[in-house]
Amino acid sequence: MIKDFNAVHISPAAEIERLCFSDPWSEGAFADSLKSEYAHFKVWEEDKVLGYIGFYAVAGEGSITNVAVHPDARGKGIGLALVKEVIALGEKLALDYITLEVRGSNTPARTLYEKCGFRDMGTRRNFYTKPREDAVIMNYFFDKDREN
């Protein structure tokens, strides 16, 4: 089930981060992020944390910083649920759009984002390290004609 991310989730999220990424966020980076009034991090927690999403919202723009699901829990819709949760939050916050960067080679993540309505917008050259790789910028645009 999806819950708000808080201090008790830092250590398990950092462990998932180490399992999923070559240049992972530290526990300190998660702790610092939680101090921001613009942060809206979420976790998927059952008996333990199985996934999380980092999200900032400010000045009409949302930004997904990271999405990760424990390797043993993939393929169960957790990532999809977390991204949809952030889209729903963005709607509630009346954002214009949500943006993210994803490795060009990360086909599963790109497919997930496309399934949620994100579109390729461009490339950030050499954005990632370990290994060096371009990032694909993807955006989700909210309907400007929605009722507030």
N, C-alpha and C. Protein backbone atom coordinates (compact mmCIF):
# COMPACT_ATOMS: atom_id res chain seq x y z
N MET A 1 0.83 -1.18 0.00
CA MET A 1 0.00 0.00 0.00
C MET A 1 0.88 1.24 0.00
N ILE A 2 0.40 2.31 -0.61
CA ILE A 2 1.16 3.55 -0.72
C ILE A 2 0.97 4.38 0.54
N LYS A 3 2.09 4.87 1.04
CA LYS A 3 2.10 5.72 2.24
C LYS A 3 3.02 6.91 1.99
N ASP A 4 2.86 7.94 2.81
CA ASP A 4 3.80 9.06 2.78
C ASP A 4 5.15 8.57 3.30
N PHE A 5 6.20 8.99 2.65
CA PHE A 5 7.58 8.66 3.02
C PHE A 5 7.95 9.50 4.23
N ASN A 6 8.52 8.86 5.24
CA ASN A 6 9.01 9.61 6.40
C ASN A 6 10.34 9.02 6.85
N ALA A 7 10.85 9.47 7.98
CA ALA A 7 12.19 9.10 8.42
C ALA A 7 12.38 7.59 8.57
N VAL A 8 11.36 6.85 8.96
CA VAL A 8 11.52 5.40 9.13
C VAL A 8 11.76 4.69 7.80
N HIS A 9 11.44 5.36 6.70
CA HIS A 9 11.60 4.74 5.38
C HIS A 9 12.97 5.01 4.75
N ILE A 10 13.76 5.86 5.36
CA ILE A 10 15.04 6.26 4.76
C ILE A 10 15.98 5.07 4.55
N SER A 11 16.22 4.30 5.59
CA SER A 11 17.18 3.19 5.48
C SER A 11 16.73 2.14 4.47
N PRO A 12 15.46 1.67 4.51
CA PRO A 12 15.06 0.69 3.49
C PRO A 12 15.07 1.26 2.07
N ALA A 13 14.72 2.53 1.92
CA ALA A 13 14.75 3.14 0.58
C ALA A 13 16.18 3.24 0.08
N ALA A 14 17.10 3.59 0.95
CA ALA A 14 18.50 3.68 0.56
C ALA A 14 19.05 2.31 0.16
N GLU A 15 18.59 1.26 0.81
CA GLU A 15 19.01 -0.10 0.44
C GLU A 15 18.48 -0.45 -0.95
N ILE A 16 17.22 -0.14 -1.23
CA ILE A 16 16.66 -0.38 -2.56
C ILE A 16 17.42 0.44 -3.59
N GLU A 17 17.74 1.66 -3.24
CA GLU A 17 18.51 2.55 -4.12
C GLU A 17 19.85 1.90 -4.50
N ARG A 18 20.53 1.31 -3.51
CA ARG A 18 21.82 0.65 -3.77
C ARG A 18 21.65 -0.57 -4.68
N LEU A 19 20.53 -1.26 -4.55
CA LEU A 19 20.28 -2.44 -5.38
C LEU A 19 19.93 -2.07 -6.82
N CYS A 20 19.38 -0.87 -7.02
CA CYS A 20 18.82 -0.50 -8.32
C CYS A 20 19.69 0.43 -9.15
N PHE A 21 20.53 1.24 -8.51
CA PHE A 21 21.23 2.29 -9.24
C PHE A 21 22.73 2.22 -9.04
N SER A 22 23.46 2.58 -10.09
CA SER A 22 24.92 2.56 -10.03
C SER A 22 25.48 3.77 -9.27
N ASP A 23 24.69 4.82 -9.13
CA ASP A 23 25.12 6.02 -8.40
C ASP A 23 23.99 6.38 -7.43
N PRO A 24 23.81 5.57 -6.37
CA PRO A 24 22.64 5.71 -5.50
C PRO A 24 22.67 6.92 -4.57
N TRP A 25 21.47 7.37 -4.22
CA TRP A 25 21.32 8.38 -3.17
C TRP A 25 21.75 7.76 -1.85
N SER A 26 22.33 8.57 -1.00
CA SER A 26 22.70 8.14 0.35
C SER A 26 21.51 8.35 1.29
N GLU A 27 21.61 7.79 2.48
CA GLU A 27 20.58 8.03 3.49
C GLU A 27 20.50 9.53 3.79
N GLY A 28 21.65 10.20 3.79
CA GLY A 28 21.67 11.64 4.04
C GLY A 28 20.93 12.42 2.97
N ALA A 29 21.04 11.98 1.72
CA ALA A 29 20.32 12.66 0.64
C ALA A 29 18.81 12.51 0.81
N PHE A 30 18.38 11.31 1.22
CA PHE A 30 16.95 11.13 1.49
C PHE A 30 16.51 12.02 2.66
N ALA A 31 17.30 12.03 3.73
CA ALA A 31 16.96 12.84 4.90
C ALA A 31 16.88 14.32 4.54
N ASP A 32 17.84 14.80 3.77
CA ASP A 32 17.82 16.21 3.35
C ASP A 32 16.59 16.51 2.50
N SER A 33 16.22 15.59 1.63
CA SER A 33 15.06 15.81 0.76
C SER A 33 13.78 15.94 1.56
N LEU A 34 13.66 15.16 2.60
CA LEU A 34 12.44 15.19 3.41
C LEU A 34 12.26 16.52 4.14
N LYS A 35 13.33 17.28 4.28
CA LYS A 35 13.24 18.58 4.94
C LYS A 35 12.61 19.65 4.06
N SER A 36 12.54 19.41 2.77
CA SER A 36 12.00 20.40 1.84
C SER A 36 10.48 20.45 1.92
N GLU A 37 9.95 21.65 1.96
CA GLU A 37 8.49 21.81 1.96
C GLU A 37 7.89 21.43 0.61
N TYR A 38 8.72 21.28 -0.41
CA TYR A 38 8.25 20.95 -1.75
C TYR A 38 8.30 19.45 -2.05
N ALA A 39 8.85 18.66 -1.12
CA ALA A 39 9.00 17.23 -1.32
C ALA A 39 7.71 16.49 -0.99
N HIS A 40 7.38 15.53 -1.84
CA HIS A 40 6.20 14.69 -1.65
C HIS A 40 6.60 13.25 -1.98
N PHE A 41 7.48 12.67 -1.19
CA PHE A 41 7.95 11.32 -1.44
C PHE A 41 6.90 10.32 -0.94
N LYS A 42 6.81 9.19 -1.64
CA LYS A 42 5.86 8.13 -1.30
C LYS A 42 6.59 6.79 -1.26
N VAL A 43 6.05 5.85 -0.49
CA VAL A 43 6.59 4.49 -0.46
C VAL A 43 5.46 3.50 -0.69
N TRP A 44 5.84 2.34 -1.21
CA TRP A 44 4.94 1.19 -1.24
C TRP A 44 5.46 0.27 -0.15
N GLU A 45 4.61 0.05 0.85
CA GLU A 45 5.02 -0.74 2.00
C GLU A 45 3.99 -1.83 2.26
N GLU A 46 4.48 -3.04 2.38
CA GLU A 46 3.66 -4.17 2.81
C GLU A 46 4.22 -4.57 4.17
N ASP A 47 4.88 -5.70 4.27
CA ASP A 47 5.59 -6.03 5.51
C ASP A 47 6.89 -5.22 5.61
N LYS A 48 7.34 -4.77 4.45
CA LYS A 48 8.54 -3.95 4.40
C LYS A 48 8.41 -3.02 3.19
N VAL A 49 9.32 -2.08 3.07
CA VAL A 49 9.31 -1.16 1.93
C VAL A 49 9.72 -1.93 0.69
N LEU A 50 8.88 -1.86 -0.35
CA LEU A 50 9.17 -2.55 -1.60
C LEU A 50 9.47 -1.59 -2.74
N GLY A 51 9.13 -0.32 -2.55
CA GLY A 51 9.40 0.66 -3.59
C GLY A 51 9.14 2.06 -3.07
N TYR A 52 9.61 3.04 -3.83
CA TYR A 52 9.42 4.44 -3.45
C TYR A 52 9.51 5.31 -4.68
N ILE A 53 9.02 6.55 -4.52
CA ILE A 53 9.13 7.55 -5.56
C ILE A 53 9.46 8.88 -4.89
N GLY A 54 10.39 9.61 -5.49
CA GLY A 54 10.74 10.95 -5.03
C GLY A 54 10.10 11.97 -5.95
N PHE A 55 9.49 12.99 -5.36
CA PHE A 55 8.73 13.96 -6.15
C PHE A 55 8.79 15.33 -5.48
N TYR A 56 9.07 16.34 -6.28
CA TYR A 56 9.02 17.72 -5.82
C TYR A 56 7.98 18.48 -6.63
N ALA A 57 7.28 19.39 -6.01
CA ALA A 57 6.30 20.22 -6.70
C ALA A 57 6.49 21.67 -6.27
N VAL A 58 6.74 22.55 -7.27
CA VAL A 58 6.92 23.96 -6.97
C VAL A 58 6.62 24.77 -8.23
N ALA A 59 5.96 25.88 -8.05
CA ALA A 59 5.70 26.84 -9.14
C ALA A 59 5.05 26.20 -10.36
N GLY A 60 4.09 25.31 -10.13
CA GLY A 60 3.36 24.71 -11.23
C GLY A 60 4.05 23.55 -11.91
N GLU A 61 5.23 23.20 -11.45
CA GLU A 61 6.00 22.11 -12.06
C GLU A 61 6.26 21.01 -11.05
N GLY A 62 6.10 19.77 -11.48
CA GLY A 62 6.48 18.63 -10.67
C GLY A 62 7.72 17.99 -11.26
N SER A 63 8.52 17.40 -10.41
CA SER A 63 9.74 16.75 -10.87
C SER A 63 9.90 15.43 -10.12
N ILE A 64 9.94 14.34 -10.86
CA ILE A 64 10.22 13.03 -10.27
C ILE A 64 11.73 12.86 -10.22
N THR A 65 12.24 12.64 -9.02
CA THR A 65 13.69 12.51 -8.86
C THR A 65 14.14 11.06 -8.99
N ASN A 66 13.36 10.14 -8.45
CA ASN A 66 13.73 8.74 -8.51
C ASN A 66 12.51 7.86 -8.26
N VAL A 67 12.52 6.73 -8.91
CA VAL A 67 11.51 5.69 -8.72
C VAL A 67 12.27 4.38 -8.66
N ALA A 68 12.01 3.59 -7.64
CA ALA A 68 12.69 2.30 -7.55
C ALA A 68 11.79 1.28 -6.87
N VAL A 69 11.89 0.07 -7.37
CA VAL A 69 11.17 -1.07 -6.80
C VAL A 69 12.21 -2.16 -6.52
N HIS A 70 12.13 -2.74 -5.34
CA HIS A 70 13.06 -3.82 -4.99
C HIS A 70 13.05 -4.87 -6.09
N PRO A 71 14.21 -5.36 -6.51
CA PRO A 71 14.26 -6.34 -7.59
C PRO A 71 13.35 -7.56 -7.37
N ASP A 72 13.17 -7.99 -6.13
CA ASP A 72 12.32 -9.15 -5.84
C ASP A 72 10.82 -8.84 -5.97
N ALA A 73 10.46 -7.55 -6.07
CA ALA A 73 9.05 -7.16 -6.11
C ALA A 73 8.64 -6.58 -7.46
N ARG A 74 9.50 -6.66 -8.44
CA ARG A 74 9.19 -6.09 -9.75
C ARG A 74 8.14 -6.93 -10.47
N GLY A 75 7.43 -6.26 -11.39
CA GLY A 75 6.43 -6.94 -12.19
C GLY A 75 5.08 -7.08 -11.49
N LYS A 76 4.90 -6.41 -10.36
CA LYS A 76 3.66 -6.50 -9.59
C LYS A 76 2.84 -5.22 -9.65
N GLY A 77 3.28 -4.26 -10.47
CA GLY A 77 2.54 -3.01 -10.60
C GLY A 77 2.86 -1.95 -9.58
N ILE A 78 3.90 -2.15 -8.78
CA ILE A 78 4.25 -1.19 -7.74
C ILE A 78 4.74 0.12 -8.35
N GLY A 79 5.64 0.04 -9.31
CA GLY A 79 6.14 1.25 -9.97
C GLY A 79 5.02 2.02 -10.63
N LEU A 80 4.14 1.32 -11.32
CA LEU A 80 3.00 1.95 -11.98
C LEU A 80 2.11 2.66 -10.97
N ALA A 81 1.82 2.00 -9.86
CA ALA A 81 0.98 2.60 -8.82
C ALA A 81 1.63 3.86 -8.23
N LEU A 82 2.94 3.82 -8.02
CA LEU A 82 3.64 4.98 -7.46
C LEU A 82 3.62 6.16 -8.43
N VAL A 83 3.86 5.90 -9.71
CA VAL A 83 3.83 6.99 -10.70
C VAL A 83 2.42 7.56 -10.81
N LYS A 84 1.41 6.70 -10.82
CA LYS A 84 0.03 7.19 -10.89
C LYS A 84 -0.34 8.00 -9.65
N GLU A 85 0.19 7.62 -8.50
CA GLU A 85 -0.04 8.37 -7.26
C GLU A 85 0.50 9.79 -7.39
N VAL A 86 1.67 9.92 -7.96
CA VAL A 86 2.28 11.24 -8.14
C VAL A 86 1.50 12.05 -9.17
N ILE A 87 1.03 11.41 -10.22
CA ILE A 87 0.21 12.13 -11.21
C ILE A 87 -1.07 12.64 -10.54
N ALA A 88 -1.70 11.82 -9.73
CA ALA A 88 -2.91 12.25 -9.01
C ALA A 88 -2.60 13.41 -8.07
N LEU A 89 -1.46 13.36 -7.41
CA LEU A 89 -1.05 14.45 -6.54
C LEU A 89 -0.80 15.72 -7.35
N GLY A 90 -0.17 15.56 -8.50
CA GLY A 90 0.07 16.72 -9.37
C GLY A 90 -1.23 17.36 -9.81
N GLU A 91 -2.21 16.55 -10.10
CA GLU A 91 -3.55 17.06 -10.47
C GLU A 91 -4.13 17.85 -9.30
N LYS A 92 -4.06 17.28 -8.11
CA LYS A 92 -4.58 17.94 -6.90
C LYS A 92 -3.87 19.26 -6.64
N LEU A 93 -2.57 19.31 -6.92
CA LEU A 93 -1.78 20.53 -6.70
C LEU A 93 -1.88 21.51 -7.87
N ALA A 94 -2.69 21.16 -8.87
CA ALA A 94 -2.91 22.00 -10.06
C ALA A 94 -1.61 22.31 -10.80
N LEU A 95 -0.74 21.29 -10.92
CA LEU A 95 0.50 21.48 -11.66
C LEU A 95 0.21 21.56 -13.16
N ASP A 96 1.12 22.21 -13.88
CA ASP A 96 1.03 22.26 -15.33
C ASP A 96 1.60 20.98 -15.96
N TYR A 97 2.68 20.49 -15.36
CA TYR A 97 3.33 19.29 -15.89
C TYR A 97 4.24 18.66 -14.86
N ILE A 98 4.64 17.43 -15.15
CA ILE A 98 5.64 16.71 -14.35
C ILE A 98 6.75 16.32 -15.31
N THR A 99 7.99 16.47 -14.87
CA THR A 99 9.14 16.13 -15.68
C THR A 99 10.01 15.11 -14.96
N LEU A 100 10.81 14.40 -15.72
CA LEU A 100 11.77 13.44 -15.17
C LEU A 100 12.85 13.19 -16.20
N GLU A 101 13.95 12.60 -15.74
CA GLU A 101 15.00 12.12 -16.63
C GLU A 101 15.13 10.62 -16.41
N VAL A 102 15.40 9.90 -17.49
CA VAL A 102 15.57 8.45 -17.42
C VAL A 102 16.69 8.06 -18.39
N ARG A 103 17.46 7.06 -17.98
CA ARG A 103 18.51 6.57 -18.88
C ARG A 103 17.90 6.13 -20.20
N GLY A 104 18.53 6.50 -21.28
CA GLY A 104 18.05 6.10 -22.59
C GLY A 104 17.94 4.60 -22.75
N SER A 105 18.82 3.86 -22.08
CA SER A 105 18.84 2.40 -22.19
C SER A 105 17.84 1.71 -21.25
N ASN A 106 17.18 2.48 -20.38
CA ASN A 106 16.29 1.88 -19.40
C ASN A 106 14.89 1.69 -20.00
N THR A 107 14.80 0.70 -20.88
CA THR A 107 13.54 0.43 -21.59
C THR A 107 12.37 0.13 -20.66
N PRO A 108 12.54 -0.68 -19.61
CA PRO A 108 11.40 -0.92 -18.73
C PRO A 108 10.84 0.37 -18.10
N ALA A 109 11.71 1.25 -17.64
CA ALA A 109 11.24 2.50 -17.03
C ALA A 109 10.59 3.40 -18.08
N ARG A 110 11.20 3.51 -19.23
CA ARG A 110 10.61 4.35 -20.29
C ARG A 110 9.24 3.83 -20.69
N THR A 111 9.09 2.52 -20.78
CA THR A 111 7.80 1.92 -21.12
C THR A 111 6.77 2.23 -20.04
N LEU A 112 7.17 2.14 -18.78
CA LEU A 112 6.28 2.47 -17.67
C LEU A 112 5.81 3.91 -17.77
N TYR A 113 6.74 4.84 -17.98
CA TYR A 113 6.38 6.26 -18.05
C TYR A 113 5.46 6.53 -19.24
N GLU A 114 5.75 5.91 -20.38
CA GLU A 114 4.89 6.09 -21.55
C GLU A 114 3.48 5.57 -21.27
N LYS A 115 3.40 4.44 -20.58
CA LYS A 115 2.10 3.87 -20.22
C LYS A 115 1.30 4.84 -19.34
N CYS A 116 2.00 5.64 -18.55
CA CYS A 116 1.35 6.62 -17.67
C CYS A 116 1.06 7.95 -18.37
N GLY A 117 1.48 8.09 -19.63
CA GLY A 117 1.18 9.30 -20.38
C GLY A 117 2.33 10.28 -20.53
N PHE A 118 3.53 9.90 -20.12
CA PHE A 118 4.70 10.75 -20.31
C PHE A 118 5.15 10.68 -21.76
N ARG A 119 5.70 11.80 -22.25
CA ARG A 119 6.19 11.87 -23.63
C ARG A 119 7.66 12.30 -23.63
N ASP A 120 8.42 11.76 -24.59
CA ASP A 120 9.82 12.17 -24.77
C ASP A 120 9.85 13.63 -25.20
N MET A 121 10.72 14.40 -24.54
CA MET A 121 10.83 15.82 -24.84
C MET A 121 12.21 16.23 -25.34
N GLY A 122 13.20 15.41 -25.09
CA GLY A 122 14.55 15.76 -25.51
C GLY A 122 15.58 14.92 -24.78
N THR A 123 16.82 15.35 -24.89
CA THR A 123 17.94 14.59 -24.34
C THR A 123 18.86 15.50 -23.54
N ARG A 124 19.34 15.01 -22.41
CA ARG A 124 20.41 15.68 -21.66
C ARG A 124 21.66 14.83 -21.88
N ARG A 125 22.61 15.39 -22.62
CA ARG A 125 23.83 14.66 -22.98
C ARG A 125 24.68 14.37 -21.75
N ASN A 126 25.16 13.14 -21.65
CA ASN A 126 26.09 12.73 -20.59
C ASN A 126 25.58 13.05 -19.19
N PHE A 127 24.29 12.94 -18.98
CA PHE A 127 23.66 13.26 -17.70
C PHE A 127 24.05 12.26 -16.62
N TYR A 128 24.11 10.99 -16.98
CA TYR A 128 24.38 9.93 -16.01
C TYR A 128 25.85 9.54 -16.03
N THR A 129 26.32 9.02 -14.90
CA THR A 129 27.66 8.46 -14.78
C THR A 129 27.51 7.00 -14.33
N LYS A 130 28.59 6.27 -14.40
CA LYS A 130 28.65 4.88 -13.90
C LYS A 130 27.60 3.99 -14.53
N PRO A 131 27.51 3.81 -15.79
CA PRO A 131 28.32 4.37 -16.88
C PRO A 131 27.74 5.69 -17.39
N ARG A 132 28.59 6.42 -18.11
CA ARG A 132 28.16 7.68 -18.71
C ARG A 132 27.10 7.38 -19.76
N GLU A 133 26.01 8.14 -19.69
CA GLU A 133 24.91 7.91 -20.62
C GLU A 133 24.02 9.15 -20.67
N ASP A 134 23.39 9.32 -21.82
CA ASP A 134 22.43 10.40 -21.98
C ASP A 134 21.15 10.09 -21.21
N ALA A 135 20.45 11.14 -20.81
CA ALA A 135 19.13 11.01 -20.20
C ALA A 135 18.08 11.44 -21.20
N VAL A 136 16.99 10.73 -21.22
CA VAL A 136 15.83 11.14 -22.00
C VAL A 136 14.95 11.95 -21.04
N ILE A 137 14.59 13.16 -21.45
CA ILE A 137 13.68 13.99 -20.66
C ILE A 137 12.26 13.61 -21.07
N MET A 138 11.44 13.31 -20.07
CA MET A 138 10.05 12.95 -20.35
C MET A 138 9.13 13.85 -19.51
N ASN A 139 8.04 14.27 -20.11
CA ASN A 139 7.07 15.13 -19.42
C ASN A 139 5.68 14.54 -19.49
N TYR A 140 4.93 14.79 -18.44
CA TYR A 140 3.50 14.51 -18.40
C TYR A 140 2.81 15.86 -18.29
N PHE A 141 1.91 16.14 -19.22
CA PHE A 141 1.21 17.42 -19.23
C PHE A 141 -0.22 17.24 -18.74
N PHE A 142 -0.61 18.10 -17.81
CA PHE A 142 -1.99 18.10 -17.33
C PHE A 142 -2.86 18.89 -18.28
N ASP A 143 -4.11 18.54 -18.35
CA ASP A 143 -5.08 19.22 -19.19
C ASP A 143 -5.26 20.65 -18.69
N LYS A 144 -4.91 21.60 -19.50
CA LYS A 144 -5.01 23.02 -19.10
C LYS A 144 -6.46 23.48 -18.96
N ASP A 145 -7.40 22.72 -19.52
CA ASP A 145 -8.81 23.10 -19.45
C ASP A 145 -9.53 22.49 -18.26
N ARG A 146 -8.78 21.81 -17.37
CA ARG A 146 -9.42 21.18 -16.23
C ARG A 146 -10.05 22.23 -15.31
N GLU A 147 -11.05 21.80 -14.57
CA GLU A 147 -11.68 22.69 -13.60
C GLU A 147 -10.86 22.64 -12.32
N ASN A 148 -10.67 23.78 -11.70
CA ASN A 148 -9.89 23.83 -10.46
C ASN A 148 -10.82 23.81 -9.27
